[in-house]
């Protein structure tokens, strides 16, 4: 498992399990998270290369997309991790999509 998934999952699970409890749904599982971050899932979590490839694949499937919005808050991500994620998007992921 890569570092991005290891760092993101605990806060994701904490937040969405709380929401699930409020709505009477079962808690988030690791399997559900992995399914959503898989090739056809909605979550963009991974290396800059993995995220760029997933965006490209979704864009092709949808007939072209012109923008992506990242919701990056997470119950357990600290400021340094968030800033590093933003840096990776701008410096490594974005150039992969703009060529």
PDB file of N, CA and C in Angstrom:
ATOM      1  N   UNK A   1       0.855  -1.180   0.000  1.00  0.00           N
ATOM      2  CA  UNK A   1       0.000   0.000   0.000  1.00  0.00           C
ATOM      3  C   UNK A   1       0.897   1.238   0.000  1.00  0.00           C
ATOM      4  N   UNK A   2       0.547   2.227  -0.808  1.00  0.00           N
ATOM      5  CA  UNK A   2       1.416   3.389  -0.864  1.00  0.00           C
ATOM      6  C   UNK A   2       1.138   4.356   0.292  1.00  0.00           C
ATOM      7  N   UNK A   3       2.060   5.257   0.475  1.00  0.00           N
ATOM      8  CA  UNK A   3       2.011   6.207   1.596  1.00  0.00           C
ATOM      9  C   UNK A   3       0.753   7.073   1.563  1.00  0.00           C
ATOM     10  N   UNK A   4       0.328   7.495   0.376  1.00  0.00           N
ATOM     11  CA  UNK A   4      -0.843   8.360   0.283  1.00  0.00           C
ATOM     12  C   UNK A   4      -2.085   7.668   0.844  1.00  0.00           C
ATOM     13  N   UNK A   5      -2.272   6.414   0.491  1.00  0.00           N
ATOM     14  CA  UNK A   5      -3.432   5.681   1.004  1.00  0.00           C
ATOM     15  C   UNK A   5      -3.323   5.465   2.505  1.00  0.00           C
ATOM     16  N   UNK A   6      -2.133   5.140   2.991  1.00  0.00           N
ATOM     17  CA  UNK A   6      -1.930   4.919   4.421  1.00  0.00           C
ATOM     18  C   UNK A   6      -2.256   6.183   5.210  1.00  0.00           C
ATOM     19  N   UNK A   7      -1.848   7.332   4.701  1.00  0.00           N
ATOM     20  CA  UNK A   7      -2.074   8.592   5.409  1.00  0.00           C
ATOM     21  C   UNK A   7      -3.522   9.065   5.299  1.00  0.00           C
ATOM     22  N   UNK A   8      -4.162   8.821   4.177  1.00  0.00           N
ATOM     23  CA  UNK A   8      -5.496   9.365   3.953  1.00  0.00           C
ATOM     24  C   UNK A   8      -6.608   8.546   4.597  1.00  0.00           C
ATOM     25  N   UNK A   9      -6.497   7.229   4.590  1.00  0.00           N
ATOM     26  CA  UNK A   9      -7.600   6.383   5.037  1.00  0.00           C
ATOM     27  C   UNK A   9      -8.080   6.649   6.463  1.00  0.00           C
ATOM     28  N   UNK A  10      -7.221   6.748   7.468  1.00  0.00           N
ATOM     29  CA  UNK A  10      -7.743   6.905   8.835  1.00  0.00           C
ATOM     30  C   UNK A  10      -8.661   8.121   9.012  1.00  0.00           C
ATOM     31  N   UNK A  11      -8.276   9.262   8.485  1.00  0.00           N
ATOM     32  CA  UNK A  11      -9.112  10.455   8.591  1.00  0.00           C
ATOM     33  C   UNK A  11     -10.378  10.351   7.768  1.00  0.00           C
ATOM     34  N   UNK A  12     -10.270   9.743   6.596  1.00  0.00           N
ATOM     35  CA  UNK A  12     -11.442   9.512   5.746  1.00  0.00           C
ATOM     36  C   UNK A  12     -12.431   8.621   6.487  1.00  0.00           C
ATOM     37  N   UNK A  13     -11.932   7.533   7.049  1.00  0.00           N
ATOM     38  CA  UNK A  13     -12.800   6.591   7.766  1.00  0.00           C
ATOM     39  C   UNK A  13     -13.434   7.258   8.981  1.00  0.00           C
ATOM     40  N   UNK A  14     -12.668   8.065   9.704  1.00  0.00           N
ATOM     41  CA  UNK A  14     -13.205   8.755  10.882  1.00  0.00           C
ATOM     42  C   UNK A  14     -14.350   9.684  10.499  1.00  0.00           C
ATOM     43  N   UNK A  15     -14.129  10.493   9.497  1.00  0.00           N
ATOM     44  CA  UNK A  15     -15.138  11.459   9.070  1.00  0.00           C
ATOM     45  C   UNK A  15     -16.391  10.774   8.531  1.00  0.00           C
ATOM     46  N   UNK A  16     -16.202   9.831   7.616  1.00  0.00           N
ATOM     47  CA  UNK A  16     -17.366   9.217   6.987  1.00  0.00           C
ATOM     48  C   UNK A  16     -18.072   8.216   7.892  1.00  0.00           C
ATOM     49  N   UNK A  17     -17.366   7.620   8.821  1.00  0.00           N
ATOM     50  CA  UNK A  17     -18.038   6.752   9.789  1.00  0.00           C
ATOM     51  C   UNK A  17     -18.949   7.581  10.682  1.00  0.00           C
ATOM     52  N   UNK A  18     -18.504   8.773  11.057  1.00  0.00           N
ATOM     53  CA  UNK A  18     -19.348   9.685  11.851  1.00  0.00           C
ATOM     54  C   UNK A  18     -20.598  10.065  11.060  1.00  0.00           C
ATOM     55  N   UNK A  19     -20.421  10.409   9.808  1.00  0.00           N
ATOM     56  CA  UNK A  19     -21.561  10.760   8.953  1.00  0.00           C
ATOM     57  C   UNK A  19     -22.491   9.558   8.799  1.00  0.00           C
ATOM     58  N   UNK A  20     -21.919   8.397   8.582  1.00  0.00           N
ATOM     59  CA  UNK A  20     -22.728   7.176   8.437  1.00  0.00           C
ATOM     60  C   UNK A  20     -23.542   6.900   9.692  1.00  0.00           C
ATOM     61  N   UNK A  21     -22.926   7.063  10.852  1.00  0.00           N
ATOM     62  CA  UNK A  21     -23.625   6.836  12.119  1.00  0.00           C
ATOM     63  C   UNK A  21     -24.813   7.785  12.249  1.00  0.00           C
ATOM     64  N   UNK A  22     -24.610   9.053  11.886  1.00  0.00           N
ATOM     65  CA  UNK A  22     -25.689  10.048  11.957  1.00  0.00           C
ATOM     66  C   UNK A  22     -26.855   9.677  11.038  1.00  0.00           C
ATOM     67  N   UNK A  23     -26.561   9.004   9.947  1.00  0.00           N
ATOM     68  CA  UNK A  23     -27.594   8.688   8.955  1.00  0.00           C
ATOM     69  C   UNK A  23     -28.096   7.245   9.043  1.00  0.00           C
ATOM     70  N   UNK A  24     -27.576   6.503  10.023  1.00  0.00           N
ATOM     71  CA  UNK A  24     -28.030   5.131  10.203  1.00  0.00           C
ATOM     72  C   UNK A  24     -27.421   4.126   9.236  1.00  0.00           C
ATOM     73  N   UNK A  25     -26.285   4.469   8.656  1.00  0.00           N
ATOM     74  CA  UNK A  25     -25.605   3.582   7.715  1.00  0.00           C
ATOM     75  C   UNK A  25     -24.485   2.843   8.431  1.00  0.00           C
ATOM     76  N   UNK A  26     -23.995   1.755   7.861  1.00  0.00           N
ATOM     77  CA  UNK A  26     -22.865   1.047   8.481  1.00  0.00           C
ATOM     78  C   UNK A  26     -21.581   1.871   8.359  1.00  0.00           C
ATOM     79  N   UNK A  27     -20.610   1.617   9.221  1.00  0.00           N
ATOM     80  CA  UNK A  27     -19.350   2.359   9.160  1.00  0.00           C
ATOM     81  C   UNK A  27     -18.580   2.080   7.868  1.00  0.00           C
ATOM     82  N   UNK A  28     -17.694   2.989   7.542  1.00  0.00           N
ATOM     83  CA  UNK A  28     -16.837   2.839   6.368  1.00  0.00           C
ATOM     84  C   UNK A  28     -15.862   1.691   6.620  1.00  0.00           C
ATOM     85  N   UNK A  29     -15.673   0.881   5.602  1.00  0.00           N
ATOM     86  CA  UNK A  29     -14.708  -0.209   5.697  1.00  0.00           C
ATOM     87  C   UNK A  29     -13.515   0.083   4.795  1.00  0.00           C
ATOM     88  N   UNK A  30     -12.433  -0.612   5.051  1.00  0.00           N
ATOM     89  CA  UNK A  30     -11.254  -0.470   4.197  1.00  0.00           C
ATOM     90  C   UNK A  30     -11.583  -0.943   2.777  1.00  0.00           C
ATOM     91  N   UNK A  31     -12.375  -1.990   2.652  1.00  0.00           N
ATOM     92  CA  UNK A  31     -12.739  -2.505   1.330  1.00  0.00           C
ATOM     93  C   UNK A  31     -13.543  -1.474   0.533  1.00  0.00           C
ATOM     94  N   UNK A  32     -14.462  -0.781   1.203  1.00  0.00           N
ATOM     95  CA  UNK A  32     -15.249   0.247   0.513  1.00  0.00           C
ATOM     96  C   UNK A  32     -14.349   1.406   0.075  1.00  0.00           C
ATOM     97  N   UNK A  33     -13.422   1.806   0.937  1.00  0.00           N
ATOM     98  CA  UNK A  33     -12.466   2.856   0.590  1.00  0.00           C
ATOM     99  C   UNK A  33     -11.636   2.433  -0.623  1.00  0.00           C
ATOM    100  N   UNK A  34     -11.098   1.210  -0.572  1.00  0.00           N
ATOM    101  CA  UNK A  34     -10.266   0.729  -1.675  1.00  0.00           C
ATOM    102  C   UNK A  34     -11.059   0.665  -2.982  1.00  0.00           C
ATOM    103  N   UNK A  35     -12.318   0.293  -2.905  1.00  0.00           N
ATOM    104  CA  UNK A  35     -13.159   0.257  -4.105  1.00  0.00           C
ATOM    105  C   UNK A  35     -13.331   1.661  -4.676  1.00  0.00           C
ATOM    106  N   UNK A  36     -13.543   2.658  -3.822  1.00  0.00           N
ATOM    107  CA  UNK A  36     -13.738   4.036  -4.281  1.00  0.00           C
ATOM    108  C   UNK A  36     -12.444   4.656  -4.793  1.00  0.00           C
ATOM    109  N   UNK A  37     -11.317   4.197  -4.333  1.00  0.00           N
ATOM    110  CA  UNK A  37     -10.065   4.745  -4.840  1.00  0.00           C
ATOM    111  C   UNK A  37      -9.515   3.895  -5.975  1.00  0.00           C
ATOM    112  N   UNK A  38     -10.200   2.807  -6.306  1.00  0.00           N
ATOM    113  CA  UNK A  38      -9.799   1.964  -7.428  1.00  0.00           C
ATOM    114  C   UNK A  38     -10.021   2.647  -8.766  1.00  0.00           C
ATOM    115  N   UNK A  39      -9.762   1.940  -9.819  1.00  0.00           N
ATOM    116  CA  UNK A  39      -9.765   2.499 -11.177  1.00  0.00           C
ATOM    117  C   UNK A  39     -11.061   3.194 -11.573  1.00  0.00           C
ATOM    118  N   UNK A  40     -12.190   2.680 -11.138  1.00  0.00           N
ATOM    119  CA  UNK A  40     -13.465   3.282 -11.539  1.00  0.00           C
ATOM    120  C   UNK A  40     -14.161   4.024 -10.405  1.00  0.00           C
ATOM    121  N   UNK A  41     -13.543   4.098  -9.235  1.00  0.00           N
ATOM    122  CA  UNK A  41     -14.142   4.779  -8.089  1.00  0.00           C
ATOM    123  C   UNK A  41     -13.984   6.286  -8.160  1.00  0.00           C
ATOM    124  N   UNK A  42     -14.632   6.960  -7.222  1.00  0.00           N
ATOM    125  CA  UNK A  42     -14.686   8.424  -7.220  1.00  0.00           C
ATOM    126  C   UNK A  42     -13.490   9.095  -6.542  1.00  0.00           C
ATOM    127  N   UNK A  43     -12.761   8.383  -5.678  1.00  0.00           N
ATOM    128  CA  UNK A  43     -11.692   9.030  -4.907  1.00  0.00           C
ATOM    129  C   UNK A  43     -10.393   9.125  -5.704  1.00  0.00           C
ATOM    130  N   UNK A  44      -9.761  10.282  -5.618  1.00  0.00           N
ATOM    131  CA  UNK A  44      -8.466  10.515  -6.258  1.00  0.00           C
ATOM    132  C   UNK A  44      -7.401  10.521  -5.162  1.00  0.00           C
ATOM    133  N   UNK A  45      -6.949   9.353  -4.791  1.00  0.00           N
ATOM    134  CA  UNK A  45      -5.957   9.196  -3.731  1.00  0.00           C
ATOM    135  C   UNK A  45      -4.850   8.311  -4.276  1.00  0.00           C
ATOM    136  N   UNK A  46      -3.629   8.814  -4.265  1.00  0.00           N
ATOM    137  CA  UNK A  46      -2.502   8.031  -4.754  1.00  0.00           C
ATOM    138  C   UNK A  46      -1.363   8.940  -5.153  1.00  0.00           C
ATOM    139  N   UNK A  47      -0.429   8.382  -5.871  1.00  0.00           N
ATOM    140  CA  UNK A  47       0.709   9.158  -6.350  1.00  0.00           C
ATOM    141  C   UNK A  47       0.228  10.144  -7.415  1.00  0.00           C
ATOM    142  N   UNK A  48       1.014  11.169  -7.706  1.00  0.00           N
ATOM    143  CA  UNK A  48       0.625  12.105  -8.767  1.00  0.00           C
ATOM    144  C   UNK A  48       0.358  11.383 -10.098  1.00  0.00           C
ATOM    145  N   UNK A  49       1.146  10.366 -10.377  1.00  0.00           N
ATOM    146  CA  UNK A  49       0.974   9.619 -11.618  1.00  0.00           C
ATOM    147  C   UNK A  49      -0.342   8.829 -11.610  1.00  0.00           C
ATOM    148  N   UNK A  50      -0.666   8.205 -10.481  1.00  0.00           N
ATOM    149  CA  UNK A  50      -1.919   7.457 -10.378  1.00  0.00           C
ATOM    150  C   UNK A  50      -3.129   8.381 -10.512  1.00  0.00           C
ATOM    151  N   UNK A  51      -3.069   9.531  -9.855  1.00  0.00           N
ATOM    152  CA  UNK A  51      -4.185  10.474  -9.899  1.00  0.00           C
ATOM    153  C   UNK A  51      -4.353  11.033 -11.310  1.00  0.00           C
ATOM    154  N   UNK A  52      -3.250  11.395 -11.963  1.00  0.00           N
ATOM    155  CA  UNK A  52      -3.325  11.914 -13.334  1.00  0.00           C
ATOM    156  C   UNK A  52      -3.925  10.878 -14.276  1.00  0.00           C
ATOM    157  N   UNK A  53      -3.507   9.634 -14.136  1.00  0.00           N
ATOM    158  CA  UNK A  53      -4.038   8.579 -15.002  1.00  0.00           C
ATOM    159  C   UNK A  53      -5.528   8.370 -14.764  1.00  0.00           C
ATOM    160  N   UNK A  54      -5.959   8.429 -13.519  1.00  0.00           N
ATOM    161  CA  UNK A  54      -7.375   8.250 -13.215  1.00  0.00           C
ATOM    162  C   UNK A  54      -8.200   9.407 -13.773  1.00  0.00           C
ATOM    163  N   UNK A  55      -7.709  10.618 -13.639  1.00  0.00           N
ATOM    164  CA  UNK A  55      -8.410  11.779 -14.200  1.00  0.00           C
ATOM    165  C   UNK A  55      -8.501  11.639 -15.715  1.00  0.00           C
ATOM    166  N   UNK A  56      -7.401  11.249 -16.340  1.00  0.00           N
ATOM    167  CA  UNK A  56      -7.395  11.074 -17.797  1.00  0.00           C
ATOM    168  C   UNK A  56      -8.403   9.998 -18.210  1.00  0.00           C
ATOM    169  N   UNK A  57      -8.432   8.889 -17.509  1.00  0.00           N
ATOM    170  CA  UNK A  57      -9.345   7.785 -17.822  1.00  0.00           C
ATOM    171  C   UNK A  57     -10.802   8.218 -17.651  1.00  0.00           C
ATOM    172  N   UNK A  58     -11.099   8.918 -16.563  1.00  0.00           N
ATOM    173  CA  UNK A  58     -12.467   9.397 -16.341  1.00  0.00           C
ATOM    174  C   UNK A  58     -12.858  10.412 -17.416  1.00  0.00           C
ATOM    175  N   UNK A  59     -11.932  11.284 -17.769  1.00  0.00           N
ATOM    176  CA  UNK A  59     -12.215  12.281 -18.802  1.00  0.00           C
ATOM    177  C   UNK A  59     -12.555  11.608 -20.128  1.00  0.00           C
ATOM    178  N   UNK A  60     -11.783  10.604 -20.488  1.00  0.00           N
ATOM    179  CA  UNK A  60     -12.053   9.884 -21.738  1.00  0.00           C
ATOM    180  C   UNK A  60     -13.415   9.196 -21.681  1.00  0.00           C
ATOM    181  N   UNK A  61     -13.741   8.607 -20.534  1.00  0.00           N
ATOM    182  CA  UNK A  61     -15.025   7.906 -20.383  1.00  0.00           C
ATOM    183  C   UNK A  61     -16.208   8.865 -20.451  1.00  0.00           C
ATOM    184  N   UNK A  62     -15.999  10.087 -19.976  1.00  0.00           N
ATOM    185  CA  UNK A  62     -17.090  11.063 -19.917  1.00  0.00           C
ATOM    186  C   UNK A  62     -17.143  11.981 -21.140  1.00  0.00           C
ATOM    187  N   UNK A  63     -16.256  11.782 -22.081  1.00  0.00           N
ATOM    188  CA  UNK A  63     -16.255  12.611 -23.278  1.00  0.00           C
ATOM    189  C   UNK A  63     -15.494  13.911 -23.116  1.00  0.00           C
ATOM    190  N   UNK A  64     -14.672  13.998 -22.090  1.00  0.00           N
ATOM    191  CA  UNK A  64     -13.845  15.181 -21.852  1.00  0.00           C
ATOM    192  C   UNK A  64     -14.337  15.990 -20.672  1.00  0.00           C
ATOM    193  N   UNK A  65     -13.447  16.257 -19.749  1.00  0.00           N
ATOM    194  CA  UNK A  65     -13.764  17.147 -18.629  1.00  0.00           C
ATOM    195  C   UNK A  65     -12.790  18.311 -18.667  1.00  0.00           C
ATOM    196  N   UNK A  66     -13.230  19.456 -18.201  1.00  0.00           N
ATOM    197  CA  UNK A  66     -12.386  20.643 -18.269  1.00  0.00           C
ATOM    198  C   UNK A  66     -11.840  21.079 -16.924  1.00  0.00           C
ATOM    199  N   UNK A  67     -12.366  20.508 -15.847  1.00  0.00           N
ATOM    200  CA  UNK A  67     -11.832  20.875 -14.533  1.00  0.00           C
ATOM    201  C   UNK A  67     -12.116  19.778 -13.516  1.00  0.00           C
ATOM    202  N   UNK A  68     -11.292  19.767 -12.495  1.00  0.00           N
ATOM    203  CA  UNK A  68     -11.429  18.831 -11.382  1.00  0.00           C
ATOM    204  C   UNK A  68     -11.324  19.638 -10.101  1.00  0.00           C
ATOM    205  N   UNK A  69     -12.202  19.373  -9.170  1.00  0.00           N
ATOM    206  CA  UNK A  69     -12.156  20.029  -7.862  1.00  0.00           C
ATOM    207  C   UNK A  69     -11.696  19.009  -6.831  1.00  0.00           C
ATOM    208  N   UNK A  70     -10.708  19.382  -6.046  1.00  0.00           N
ATOM    209  CA  UNK A  70     -10.199  18.509  -5.004  1.00  0.00           C
ATOM    210  C   UNK A  70     -10.754  18.944  -3.657  1.00  0.00           C
ATOM    211  N   UNK A  71     -11.403  18.042  -2.953  1.00  0.00           N
ATOM    212  CA  UNK A  71     -11.783  18.290  -1.558  1.00  0.00           C
ATOM    213  C   UNK A  71     -10.714  17.599  -0.737  1.00  0.00           C
ATOM    214  N   UNK A  72      -9.867  18.372  -0.112  1.00  0.00           N
ATOM    215  CA  UNK A  72      -8.665  17.815   0.489  1.00  0.00           C
ATOM    216  C   UNK A  72      -8.665  17.802   2.008  1.00  0.00           C
ATOM    217  N   UNK A  73      -9.718  18.290   2.633  1.00  0.00           N
ATOM    218  CA  UNK A  73      -9.717  18.249   4.088  1.00  0.00           C
ATOM    219  C   UNK A  73      -9.910  16.814   4.554  1.00  0.00           C
ATOM    220  N   UNK A  74      -9.311  16.506   5.652  1.00  0.00           N
ATOM    221  CA  UNK A  74      -9.330  15.155   6.196  1.00  0.00           C
ATOM    222  C   UNK A  74      -9.096  15.279   7.689  1.00  0.00           C
ATOM    223  N   UNK A  75      -9.836  14.520   8.476  1.00  0.00           N
ATOM    224  CA  UNK A  75      -9.789  14.647   9.934  1.00  0.00           C
ATOM    225  C   UNK A  75      -8.399  14.467  10.517  1.00  0.00           C
ATOM    226  N   UNK A  76      -7.529  13.751   9.830  1.00  0.00           N
ATOM    227  CA  UNK A  76      -6.219  13.481  10.417  1.00  0.00           C
ATOM    228  C   UNK A  76      -5.039  14.007   9.612  1.00  0.00           C
ATOM    229  N   UNK A  77      -5.296  14.716   8.527  1.00  0.00           N
ATOM    230  CA  UNK A  77      -4.178  15.310   7.779  1.00  0.00           C
ATOM    231  C   UNK A  77      -3.720  16.569   8.480  1.00  0.00           C
ATOM    232  N   UNK A  78      -2.422  16.695   8.654  1.00  0.00           N
ATOM    233  CA  UNK A  78      -1.910  17.913   9.262  1.00  0.00           C
ATOM    234  C   UNK A  78      -1.582  18.938   8.165  1.00  0.00           C
ATOM    235  N   UNK A  79      -1.240  20.120   8.589  1.00  0.00           N
ATOM    236  CA  UNK A  79      -0.975  21.227   7.667  1.00  0.00           C
ATOM    237  C   UNK A  79       0.133  20.873   6.667  1.00  0.00           C
ATOM    238  N   UNK A  80       1.216  20.287   7.155  1.00  0.00           N
ATOM    239  CA  UNK A  80       2.341  19.946   6.281  1.00  0.00           C
ATOM    240  C   UNK A  80       1.915  18.931   5.218  1.00  0.00           C
ATOM    241  N   UNK A  81       1.113  17.946   5.595  1.00  0.00           N
ATOM    242  CA  UNK A  81       0.634  16.968   4.623  1.00  0.00           C
ATOM    243  C   UNK A  81      -0.265  17.619   3.578  1.00  0.00           C
ATOM    244  N   UNK A  82      -1.129  18.502   4.015  1.00  0.00           N
ATOM    245  CA  UNK A  82      -2.013  19.201   3.090  1.00  0.00           C
ATOM    246  C   UNK A  82      -1.211  20.059   2.114  1.00  0.00           C
ATOM    247  N   UNK A  83      -0.247  20.798   2.623  1.00  0.00           N
ATOM    248  CA  UNK A  83       0.579  21.633   1.754  1.00  0.00           C
ATOM    249  C   UNK A  83       1.392  20.792   0.776  1.00  0.00           C
ATOM    250  N   UNK A  84       1.886  19.654   1.222  1.00  0.00           N
ATOM    251  CA  UNK A  84       2.644  18.756   0.347  1.00  0.00           C
ATOM    252  C   UNK A  84       1.730  18.218  -0.759  1.00  0.00           C
ATOM    253  N   UNK A  85       0.486  17.892  -0.422  1.00  0.00           N
ATOM    254  CA  UNK A  85      -0.468  17.402  -1.420  1.00  0.00           C
ATOM    255  C   UNK A  85      -0.732  18.463  -2.482  1.00  0.00           C
ATOM    256  N   UNK A  86      -0.913  19.697  -2.046  1.00  0.00           N
ATOM    257  CA  UNK A  86      -1.147  20.798  -2.990  1.00  0.00           C
ATOM    258  C   UNK A  86       0.072  20.988  -3.886  1.00  0.00           C
ATOM    259  N   UNK A  87       1.251  20.906  -3.298  1.00  0.00           N
ATOM    260  CA  UNK A  87       2.489  21.029  -4.071  1.00  0.00           C
ATOM    261  C   UNK A  87       2.585  19.916  -5.121  1.00  0.00           C
ATOM    262  N   UNK A  88       2.275  18.689  -4.737  1.00  0.00           N
ATOM    263  CA  UNK A  88       2.340  17.574  -5.681  1.00  0.00           C
ATOM    264  C   UNK A  88       1.342  17.731  -6.823  1.00  0.00           C
ATOM    265  N   UNK A  89       0.167  18.256  -6.518  1.00  0.00           N
ATOM    266  CA  UNK A  89      -0.819  18.497  -7.577  1.00  0.00           C
ATOM    267  C   UNK A  89      -0.271  19.489  -8.589  1.00  0.00           C
ATOM    268  N   UNK A  90       0.278  20.586  -8.094  1.00  0.00           N
ATOM    269  CA  UNK A  90       0.767  21.629  -8.986  1.00  0.00           C
ATOM    270  C   UNK A  90       2.057  21.295  -9.710  1.00  0.00           C
ATOM    271  N   UNK A  91       2.976  20.667  -9.012  1.00  0.00           N
ATOM    272  CA  UNK A  91       4.303  20.444  -9.576  1.00  0.00           C
ATOM    273  C   UNK A  91       4.443  19.128 -10.350  1.00  0.00           C
ATOM    274  N   UNK A  92       3.724  18.104  -9.942  1.00  0.00           N
ATOM    275  CA  UNK A  92       3.918  16.792 -10.575  1.00  0.00           C
ATOM    276  C   UNK A  92       2.698  16.266 -11.310  1.00  0.00           C
ATOM    277  N   UNK A  93       1.497  16.432 -10.744  1.00  0.00           N
ATOM    278  CA  UNK A  93       0.319  15.864 -11.383  1.00  0.00           C
ATOM    279  C   UNK A  93      -0.173  16.722 -12.543  1.00  0.00           C
ATOM    280  N   UNK A  94      -0.332  18.003 -12.301  1.00  0.00           N
ATOM    281  CA  UNK A  94      -0.863  18.894 -13.335  1.00  0.00           C
ATOM    282  C   UNK A  94      -0.065  18.837 -14.644  1.00  0.00           C
ATOM    283  N   UNK A  95       1.262  18.870 -14.601  1.00  0.00           N
ATOM    284  CA  UNK A  95       2.005  18.780 -15.869  1.00  0.00           C
ATOM    285  C   UNK A  95       1.734  17.488 -16.650  1.00  0.00           C
ATOM    286  N   UNK A  96       1.405  16.428 -15.955  1.00  0.00           N
ATOM    287  CA  UNK A  96       1.093  15.154 -16.638  1.00  0.00           C
ATOM    288  C   UNK A  96      -0.194  15.258 -17.442  1.00  0.00           C
ATOM    289  N   UNK A  97      -1.090  16.124 -17.033  1.00  0.00           N
ATOM    290  CA  UNK A  97      -2.365  16.286 -17.723  1.00  0.00           C
ATOM    291  C   UNK A  97      -2.334  17.375 -18.782  1.00  0.00           C
ATOM    292  N   UNK A  98      -1.325  18.195 -18.746  1.00  0.00           N
ATOM    293  CA  UNK A  98      -1.253  19.338 -19.666  1.00  0.00           C
ATOM    294  C   UNK A  98      -0.290  19.116 -20.820  1.00  0.00           C
ATOM    295  N   UNK A  99      -0.023  17.860 -21.129  1.00  0.00           N
ATOM    296  CA  UNK A  99       0.884  17.619 -22.258  1.00  0.00           C
ATOM    297  C   UNK A  99       0.182  16.910 -23.377  1.00  0.00           C
TER     298      UNK A  99
END
